[in-house]
């Protein structure tokens, strides 16, 4: 019933970063041992004015997933999920602060803007009115304060030098493992989606023959593979939203295409975005290998950090001597592809690098000519600026630690920076161990 032959799951390589900028050996260590060791403080793009239909609420969450926070806010303010706006999703195993907006045209519930929910794991710190809903990306960036455990505190001077180097050159702007889900297959689902491989996509999402999955899911996946759709549906929990929506449609006799589309545009769009992110990561791998991570060459599309626009690097600009100072001051950076119909394309060697990645993984750029789920394509800088760096060490009741603090712009991953310091594998293992399956498809 579900035999769809070879799938892209068998051909697409792992999406995670393959290279590091720093050539030093990682210090090792552990992160996210407990939420208090990973503090994230969102830096807002603007402050509320005090007037308007939206109530802005500063939320502190401890060891709470994005989905759990949203459910708590929905119940507390008695609103639908669509009434809540947020700039970005935060880590679960962390203590996070962020500002969310609640659409409340009337002021009868303003008193709910301060309080404690979920046994104190969600705390509403303050509330103020504003005119508009907070949208994704409405933030400057995030401040991170992270304690690395199981490491020699005497390595603080080494880490200080590494952080200062990253502050000067920037950190590779890779997409971190969170982007690809707890099974590391979001990009696989994205490719199946844009190709219209509906049955293969359902098999990858629901079955036991594709990407690896947690052991506790084996029974329900094997039931699906055996055609036992209703019993399989009964074993997926409320948190497994995408799986339940697809299976509910199948149980009702809908076609594979209808079952996929029943999942909803938000999750489907995230999977397409994961495919774009995978291709960007592979381009960044090549640029690092060629030592073109923080250098501009003819044909590049230079990213302007202030306006988030790009311009083509011509021989005349290279000869003028004006680009290097702008690179050093982080005014501009090389950029890489977020493939889509509206993406500006480089020329020359940068174009060869980007098209070479597509060829390597067996994809045709025309695949992205269709405007799927609002993703029209754009550019992304190859490096992210690290600022306000701090490093110290100490000992508490849990043992010795290194404390790292730094700011990153929106869209940059703290785990990517930590990988530069700690080395390969350790950060990914920590993220995987703390992964929240219900948040991954709908991030």
Protein backbone atom coordinates (compact mmCIF):
# COMPACT_ATOMS: atom_id res chain seq x y z
CA UNK A 1 0.00 0.00 0.00
CA UNK A 2 2.78 2.41 0.87
CA UNK A 3 5.59 1.18 -1.38
CA UNK A 4 6.74 4.35 -3.17
CA UNK A 5 10.28 3.24 -4.08
CA UNK A 6 13.42 5.26 -3.43
CA UNK A 7 12.80 8.63 -1.82
CA UNK A 8 14.81 11.79 -1.42
CA UNK A 9 15.45 10.73 2.17
CA UNK A 10 17.97 8.27 0.77
CA UNK A 11 19.77 10.82 -1.40
CA UNK A 12 19.87 14.18 0.41
CA UNK A 13 22.93 14.53 2.67
CA UNK A 14 22.84 15.63 6.28
CA UNK A 15 21.88 19.32 6.47
CA UNK A 16 24.12 20.34 9.36
CA UNK A 17 27.26 22.51 9.03
CA UNK A 18 30.36 20.63 7.94
CA UNK A 19 33.05 23.26 8.54
CA UNK A 20 34.25 25.60 11.27
CA UNK A 21 35.88 28.97 10.85
CA UNK A 22 38.22 28.51 13.81
CA UNK A 23 41.02 26.01 13.20
CA UNK A 24 41.63 25.36 16.89
CA UNK A 25 40.54 22.18 18.65
CA UNK A 26 37.20 22.56 20.41
CA UNK A 27 37.18 22.82 24.21
CA UNK A 28 34.43 20.21 24.60
CA UNK A 29 31.85 20.56 27.34
CA UNK A 30 28.07 20.33 27.73
CA UNK A 31 25.27 22.85 27.24
CA UNK A 32 21.60 22.91 28.23
CA UNK A 33 22.23 20.69 31.25
CA UNK A 34 19.42 22.70 32.88
CA UNK A 35 17.31 25.66 31.67
CA UNK A 36 19.12 28.17 33.90
CA UNK A 37 22.35 27.46 32.00
CA UNK A 38 20.92 28.84 28.74
CA UNK A 39 19.44 32.34 29.02
CA UNK A 40 17.97 34.11 25.98
CA UNK A 41 16.82 37.72 26.15
CA UNK A 42 15.09 39.01 23.02
CA UNK A 43 16.14 42.51 21.92
CA UNK A 44 12.97 44.19 20.56
CA UNK A 45 12.86 46.15 17.34
CA UNK A 46 10.68 48.84 18.93
CA UNK A 47 8.91 49.62 22.20
CA UNK A 48 5.11 49.86 22.66
CA UNK A 49 3.60 53.36 22.55
CA UNK A 50 0.90 52.77 25.14
CA UNK A 51 -2.00 52.99 22.69
CA UNK A 52 -3.61 50.56 20.23
CA UNK A 53 -5.60 47.34 19.88
CA UNK A 54 -2.71 45.02 20.75
CA UNK A 55 -1.48 44.30 24.27
CA UNK A 56 2.30 43.76 24.30
CA UNK A 57 3.34 41.37 27.07
CA UNK A 58 6.89 40.56 28.16
CA UNK A 59 6.99 36.80 28.78
CA UNK A 60 9.61 34.87 30.73
CA UNK A 61 9.52 31.12 30.09
CA UNK A 62 11.55 28.45 31.90
CA UNK A 63 11.83 24.99 30.38
CA UNK A 64 8.75 25.61 28.24
CA UNK A 65 8.37 24.93 24.52
CA UNK A 66 6.97 27.50 22.13
CA UNK A 67 3.79 25.46 21.77
CA UNK A 68 3.31 25.21 25.53
CA UNK A 69 3.80 28.96 25.89
CA UNK A 70 1.27 29.65 23.14
CA UNK A 71 -1.31 27.33 24.73
CA UNK A 72 -0.81 29.01 28.10
CA UNK A 73 -1.31 32.48 26.60
CA UNK A 74 -4.36 31.38 24.60
CA UNK A 75 -6.03 29.98 27.71
CA UNK A 76 -5.04 32.88 29.94
CA UNK A 77 -6.23 35.65 27.62
CA UNK A 78 -9.07 33.56 26.11
CA UNK A 79 -8.03 34.20 22.51
CA UNK A 80 -7.29 32.14 19.42
CA UNK A 81 -3.72 31.35 18.40
CA UNK A 82 -4.02 33.75 15.45
CA UNK A 83 -4.50 36.65 17.89
CA UNK A 84 -0.98 36.17 19.29
CA UNK A 85 2.05 37.65 17.57
CA UNK A 86 5.71 36.86 18.24
CA UNK A 87 9.04 37.81 16.66
CA UNK A 88 10.72 34.41 16.92
CA UNK A 89 10.64 31.01 18.61
CA UNK A 90 12.92 30.37 21.57
CA UNK A 91 14.69 27.31 22.93
CA UNK A 92 12.79 24.98 25.24
CA UNK A 93 15.64 24.04 27.57
CA UNK A 94 16.33 27.65 28.50
CA UNK A 95 15.16 30.66 30.45
CA UNK A 96 13.86 33.03 27.81
CA UNK A 97 12.37 36.49 27.68
CA UNK A 98 10.47 37.79 24.68
CA UNK A 99 7.68 40.23 23.87
CA UNK A 100 4.46 38.89 22.38
CA UNK A 101 1.36 40.76 21.23
CA UNK A 102 -2.23 39.80 22.06
CA UNK A 103 -5.02 41.26 19.92
CA UNK A 104 -7.44 42.65 22.51
CA UNK A 105 -9.42 45.56 21.01
CA UNK A 106 -11.19 46.11 24.33
CA UNK A 107 -9.36 46.81 27.57
CA UNK A 108 -11.41 44.51 29.79
CA UNK A 109 -8.57 41.97 29.95
CA UNK A 110 -5.59 44.30 30.35
CA UNK A 111 -5.32 43.26 33.99
CA UNK A 112 -4.30 39.79 32.79
CA UNK A 113 -1.04 41.20 31.39
CA UNK A 114 0.93 40.53 34.60
CA UNK A 115 0.95 37.20 36.39
CA UNK A 116 2.26 33.65 36.63
CA UNK A 117 1.14 30.67 34.53
CA UNK A 118 2.03 26.97 34.30
CA UNK A 119 3.19 26.69 37.92
CA UNK A 120 5.48 29.68 37.49
CA UNK A 121 7.20 28.40 34.35
CA UNK A 122 5.55 31.17 32.32
CA UNK A 123 5.67 34.61 33.93
CA UNK A 124 4.11 37.76 32.46
CA UNK A 125 6.44 40.58 33.53
CA UNK A 126 4.75 43.70 32.11
CA UNK A 127 2.15 44.77 29.59
CA UNK A 128 1.59 47.86 27.43
CA UNK A 129 -0.58 48.76 24.44
CA UNK A 130 0.62 49.18 20.85
CA UNK A 131 -0.87 49.72 17.38
CA UNK A 132 0.30 46.65 15.47
CA UNK A 133 0.72 42.91 15.87
CA UNK A 134 4.27 41.63 16.36
CA UNK A 135 5.36 39.72 13.25
CA UNK A 136 8.12 37.20 12.66
CA UNK A 137 11.43 39.05 12.42
CA UNK A 138 10.30 42.05 14.49
CA UNK A 139 13.42 41.95 16.64
CA UNK A 140 16.97 43.31 16.56
CA UNK A 141 18.41 40.05 17.83
CA UNK A 142 18.98 38.13 21.05
CA UNK A 143 21.30 38.39 24.05
CA UNK A 144 22.62 34.99 25.15
CA UNK A 145 24.14 34.10 28.52
CA UNK A 146 25.29 30.48 28.46
CA UNK A 147 27.06 28.27 30.97
CA UNK A 148 29.18 25.50 29.45
CA UNK A 149 29.56 22.58 31.86
CA UNK A 150 32.00 19.66 32.00
CA UNK A 151 34.89 21.86 30.92
CA UNK A 152 38.06 23.16 32.59
CA UNK A 153 37.38 26.74 33.81
CA UNK A 154 41.07 27.49 33.19
CA UNK A 155 40.26 27.51 29.46
CA UNK A 156 38.57 30.90 29.84
CA UNK A 157 41.54 32.84 28.32
CA UNK A 158 41.52 30.54 25.27
CA UNK A 159 37.78 31.02 24.81
CA UNK A 160 38.17 34.78 25.23
CA UNK A 161 40.61 34.87 22.30
CA UNK A 162 38.25 32.75 20.22
CA UNK A 163 35.28 34.99 20.96
CA UNK A 164 37.27 38.10 20.12
CA UNK A 165 38.27 36.51 16.82
CA UNK A 166 34.63 35.76 16.05
CA UNK A 167 33.68 39.28 17.12
CA UNK A 168 36.17 40.63 14.58
CA UNK A 169 35.45 38.29 11.65
CA UNK A 170 31.88 37.24 12.36
CA UNK A 171 30.46 33.76 12.92
CA UNK A 172 29.45 31.59 9.93
CA UNK A 173 25.74 32.27 9.49
CA UNK A 174 24.80 28.61 9.22
CA UNK A 175 21.31 27.41 9.98
CA UNK A 176 21.53 25.33 13.14
CA UNK A 177 20.14 21.87 13.76
CA UNK A 178 16.91 23.31 15.21
CA UNK A 179 15.96 24.33 11.67
CA UNK A 180 15.85 20.75 10.48
CA UNK A 181 13.75 19.20 13.22
CA UNK A 182 14.28 16.49 15.78
CA UNK A 183 14.61 13.93 12.95
CA UNK A 184 16.86 16.19 10.81
CA UNK A 185 14.52 15.61 7.89
CA UNK A 186 12.60 18.87 7.47
CA UNK A 187 14.58 19.57 4.29
CA UNK A 188 13.69 16.10 2.96
CA UNK A 189 10.00 16.82 3.52
CA UNK A 190 10.49 20.21 1.84
CA UNK A 191 11.98 18.66 -1.29
CA UNK A 192 9.21 16.08 -1.52
CA UNK A 193 6.70 18.89 -1.15
CA UNK A 194 8.05 21.10 -3.94
CA UNK A 195 8.28 18.04 -6.21
CA UNK A 196 4.71 17.02 -5.43
CA UNK A 197 5.75 13.59 -4.14
CA UNK A 198 2.68 13.33 -1.94
CA UNK A 199 2.77 9.62 -1.08
CA UNK A 200 6.50 9.62 -0.44
CA UNK A 201 6.07 12.64 1.80
CA UNK A 202 3.41 10.90 3.88
CA UNK A 203 5.59 7.81 4.15
CA UNK A 204 8.51 9.94 5.37
CA UNK A 205 6.34 11.84 7.86
CA UNK A 206 4.34 8.90 9.21
CA UNK A 207 6.18 5.68 8.43
CA UNK A 208 9.15 3.74 9.78
CA UNK A 209 11.14 3.34 6.55
CA UNK A 210 12.62 6.81 6.14
CA UNK A 211 14.68 9.04 8.42
CA UNK A 212 15.47 7.92 11.96
CA UNK A 213 12.94 8.61 14.70
CA UNK A 214 12.59 8.24 18.50
CA UNK A 215 12.12 4.65 19.62
CA UNK A 216 8.77 5.36 21.28
CA UNK A 217 7.28 6.21 17.85
CA UNK A 218 8.05 2.79 16.33
CA UNK A 219 4.65 1.23 17.00
CA UNK A 220 2.56 3.96 15.44
CA UNK A 221 4.86 4.21 12.41
CA UNK A 222 4.77 0.46 11.82
CA UNK A 223 0.97 0.55 12.03
CA UNK A 224 0.95 3.20 9.30
CA UNK A 225 3.26 1.11 7.11
CA UNK A 226 0.89 -1.83 7.57
CA UNK A 227 -2.08 0.28 6.44
CA UNK A 228 -3.59 0.45 9.95
CA UNK A 229 -4.32 4.16 9.73
CA UNK A 230 -6.93 4.59 12.48
CA UNK A 231 -4.89 2.72 15.12
CA UNK A 232 -1.82 4.72 14.09
CA UNK A 233 -3.75 7.98 14.46
CA UNK A 234 -4.84 6.99 17.98
CA UNK A 235 -1.22 6.75 19.12
CA UNK A 236 -0.10 10.22 17.96
CA UNK A 237 -0.56 12.83 20.68
CA UNK A 238 -2.11 16.30 20.56
CA UNK A 239 1.38 17.76 20.26
CA UNK A 240 2.01 15.83 17.02
CA UNK A 241 -0.11 18.21 15.02
CA UNK A 242 1.19 17.59 11.50
CA UNK A 243 1.02 13.82 11.85
CA UNK A 244 -2.52 13.90 13.26
CA UNK A 245 -3.85 16.26 10.58
CA UNK A 246 -2.43 14.13 7.78
CA UNK A 247 -3.68 10.84 9.25
CA UNK A 248 -7.11 12.28 10.00
CA UNK A 249 -7.45 13.19 6.33
CA UNK A 250 -6.28 9.72 5.23
CA UNK A 251 -8.71 7.98 7.59
CA UNK A 252 -11.48 10.07 6.04
CA UNK A 253 -10.56 8.72 2.62
CA UNK A 254 -8.79 11.81 1.28
CA UNK A 255 -6.07 11.57 -1.39
CA UNK A 256 -2.37 11.73 -0.44
CA UNK A 257 -2.20 15.27 -1.86
CA UNK A 258 -5.21 16.38 0.16
CA UNK A 259 -3.74 14.76 3.28
CA UNK A 260 -0.50 16.71 2.89
CA UNK A 261 -2.29 19.98 2.23
CA UNK A 262 -4.48 19.38 5.30
CA UNK A 263 -1.36 19.91 7.43
CA UNK A 264 -1.62 23.64 6.70
CA UNK A 265 0.52 26.27 5.06
CA UNK A 266 2.50 27.21 8.17
CA UNK A 267 4.13 23.80 8.63
CA UNK A 268 4.44 23.20 4.89
CA UNK A 269 6.12 26.56 4.46
CA UNK A 270 8.56 25.73 7.22
CA UNK A 271 9.58 22.54 5.42
CA UNK A 272 10.19 24.45 2.19
CA UNK A 273 12.26 26.94 4.21
CA UNK A 274 14.28 24.05 5.64
CA UNK A 275 15.13 22.93 2.09
CA UNK A 276 16.31 26.45 1.28
CA UNK A 277 18.34 26.47 4.52
CA UNK A 278 19.99 23.16 3.65
CA UNK A 279 21.15 24.54 0.28
CA UNK A 280 22.46 27.71 1.93
CA UNK A 281 24.47 25.63 4.42
CA UNK A 282 26.11 23.69 1.60
CA UNK A 283 27.10 26.93 -0.17
CA UNK A 284 28.59 28.26 3.07
CA UNK A 285 30.56 25.01 3.43
CA UNK A 286 32.15 25.66 0.04
CA UNK A 287 32.87 29.32 0.71
CA UNK A 288 34.63 28.43 3.96
CA UNK A 289 36.67 25.76 2.19
CA UNK A 290 37.72 28.30 -0.46
CA UNK A 291 38.45 30.94 2.24
CA UNK A 292 35.78 33.18 0.73
CA UNK A 293 33.71 33.42 3.91
CA UNK A 294 34.57 37.06 4.63
CA UNK A 295 35.96 38.08 1.23
CA UNK A 296 34.15 39.61 -1.73
CA UNK A 297 35.01 38.59 -5.27
CA UNK A 298 33.75 39.64 -8.68
CA UNK A 299 30.14 38.59 -9.22
CA UNK A 300 29.28 38.45 -5.52
CA UNK A 301 26.09 39.99 -4.20
CA UNK A 302 27.26 42.00 -1.20
CA UNK A 303 24.83 42.13 1.72
CA UNK A 304 24.23 45.50 3.40
CA UNK A 305 23.66 44.84 7.08
CA UNK A 306 21.80 48.10 7.75
CA UNK A 307 19.20 47.89 4.97
CA UNK A 308 19.29 44.11 4.34
CA UNK A 309 19.68 44.81 0.63
CA UNK A 310 22.35 43.63 -1.84
CA UNK A 311 24.48 45.03 -4.64
CA UNK A 312 26.61 43.37 -7.31
CA UNK A 313 30.38 43.42 -6.86
CA UNK A 314 31.92 44.66 -10.10
CA UNK A 315 35.60 44.80 -11.14
CA UNK A 316 35.40 48.58 -10.78
CA UNK A 317 34.21 48.33 -7.17
CA UNK A 318 36.94 45.84 -6.32
CA UNK A 319 39.58 48.11 -7.84
CA UNK A 320 38.27 51.19 -6.02
CA UNK A 321 39.48 49.95 -2.62
CA UNK A 322 36.20 50.96 -0.94
CA UNK A 323 34.90 47.47 -0.20
CA UNK A 324 37.58 46.20 2.18
CA UNK A 325 37.02 48.91 4.85
CA UNK A 326 33.29 48.25 4.67
CA UNK A 327 33.93 44.53 5.16
CA UNK A 328 36.17 45.20 8.15
CA UNK A 329 33.56 47.46 9.76
CA UNK A 330 30.79 44.91 9.15
CA UNK A 331 28.90 47.33 6.94
CA UNK A 332 28.75 44.64 4.24
CA UNK A 333 29.32 40.87 3.87
CA UNK A 334 29.22 38.25 1.13
CA UNK A 335 25.80 36.65 0.73
CA UNK A 336 24.46 33.22 -0.13
CA UNK A 337 21.24 31.92 -1.71
CA UNK A 338 17.83 31.41 -0.22
CA UNK A 339 16.53 29.94 -3.45
CA UNK A 340 13.22 31.17 -4.87
CA UNK A 341 11.68 32.83 -7.91
CA UNK A 342 12.48 36.30 -6.62
CA UNK A 343 16.09 35.70 -5.55
CA UNK A 344 18.80 37.91 -7.03
CA UNK A 345 21.49 35.70 -8.53
CA UNK A 346 25.25 36.36 -8.54
CA UNK A 347 27.51 35.96 -11.55
CA UNK A 348 30.94 34.46 -12.18
CA UNK A 349 32.57 32.27 -9.54
CA UNK A 350 29.90 32.90 -6.86
CA UNK A 351 27.24 31.71 -9.31
CA UNK A 352 29.31 28.62 -10.13
CA UNK A 353 29.57 27.79 -6.42
CA UNK A 354 25.83 28.11 -5.86
CA UNK A 355 24.85 26.19 -8.98
CA UNK A 356 27.49 23.58 -8.18
CA UNK A 357 25.74 22.83 -4.88
CA UNK A 358 22.44 22.38 -6.70
CA UNK A 359 24.10 20.00 -9.13
CA UNK A 360 25.82 18.09 -6.33
CA UNK A 361 22.52 17.25 -4.66
CA UNK A 362 20.73 16.66 -7.96
CA UNK A 363 18.39 19.65 -7.94
CA UNK A 364 17.42 22.00 -10.77
CA UNK A 365 17.13 25.74 -9.93
CA UNK A 366 13.86 25.80 -11.92
CA UNK A 367 12.36 23.80 -9.05
CA UNK A 368 12.17 27.09 -7.17
CA UNK A 369 10.52 29.08 -9.97
CA UNK A 370 7.16 28.31 -8.41
CA UNK A 371 6.09 30.59 -5.58
CA UNK A 372 5.32 28.08 -2.87
CA UNK A 373 3.85 29.05 0.49
CA UNK A 374 5.05 32.64 0.30
CA UNK A 375 8.74 31.83 -0.18
CA UNK A 376 9.91 33.92 -3.11
CA UNK A 377 13.60 33.69 -2.31
CA UNK A 378 16.12 36.17 -0.95
CA UNK A 379 19.78 36.45 0.07
CA UNK A 380 21.35 35.77 3.47
CA UNK A 381 24.71 37.03 4.72
CA UNK A 382 27.43 34.39 5.00
CA UNK A 383 28.45 35.75 8.40
CA UNK A 384 26.64 37.12 11.44
CA UNK A 385 28.01 39.83 13.67
CA UNK A 386 28.85 38.89 17.25
CA UNK A 387 28.84 41.80 19.72
CA UNK A 388 29.03 42.66 23.43
CA UNK A 389 31.13 39.58 24.18
CA UNK A 390 31.81 38.52 27.78
CA UNK A 391 33.59 35.47 29.19
CA UNK A 392 34.25 34.35 32.75
CA UNK A 393 34.35 31.15 34.76
CA UNK A 394 33.28 29.92 38.15
CA UNK A 395 31.93 27.15 40.33
CA UNK A 396 28.40 26.77 41.68
CA UNK A 397 26.42 24.01 43.37
CA UNK A 398 26.41 22.09 40.07
CA UNK A 399 30.16 22.28 39.54
CA UNK A 400 32.57 24.32 37.43
CA UNK A 401 31.49 26.21 34.31
CA UNK A 402 32.49 28.73 31.66
CA UNK A 403 30.05 31.60 31.23
CA UNK A 404 29.76 33.03 27.71
CA UNK A 405 27.62 36.07 26.90
CA UNK A 406 27.09 37.70 23.51
CA UNK A 407 24.56 39.36 21.21
CA UNK A 408 23.55 37.92 17.83
CA UNK A 409 21.33 39.50 15.16
CA UNK A 410 17.97 38.03 14.25
CA UNK A 411 18.18 34.79 12.33
CA UNK A 412 21.60 33.80 13.73
CA UNK A 413 22.00 30.68 15.89
CA UNK A 414 23.82 30.66 19.23
CA UNK A 415 24.42 26.93 18.78
CA UNK A 416 26.43 27.64 15.63
CA UNK A 417 28.71 29.98 17.59
CA UNK A 418 29.02 27.42 20.39
CA UNK A 419 30.04 24.79 17.84
CA UNK A 420 32.99 27.02 16.88
CA UNK A 421 34.10 27.04 20.54
CA UNK A 422 33.22 23.53 21.65
CA UNK A 423 33.85 21.54 18.48
CA UNK A 424 31.77 19.19 16.32
CA UNK A 425 29.03 16.94 17.63
CA UNK A 426 28.64 18.19 21.19
CA UNK A 427 26.22 21.04 20.46
CA UNK A 428 24.17 18.94 18.04
CA UNK A 429 23.92 16.18 20.64
CA UNK A 430 22.68 18.64 23.27
CA UNK A 431 20.10 20.12 20.91
CA UNK A 432 18.95 16.67 19.83
CA UNK A 433 18.59 15.46 23.40
CA UNK A 434 16.43 18.47 24.26
CA UNK A 435 14.51 18.57 20.97
CA UNK A 436 10.82 19.26 21.19
CA UNK A 437 8.99 17.24 18.50
CA UNK A 438 5.80 19.30 18.66
CA UNK A 439 7.64 22.53 17.92
CA UNK A 440 9.70 21.32 15.01
CA UNK A 441 7.16 21.07 12.17
CA UNK A 442 5.46 24.35 13.01
CA UNK A 443 8.39 26.60 13.92
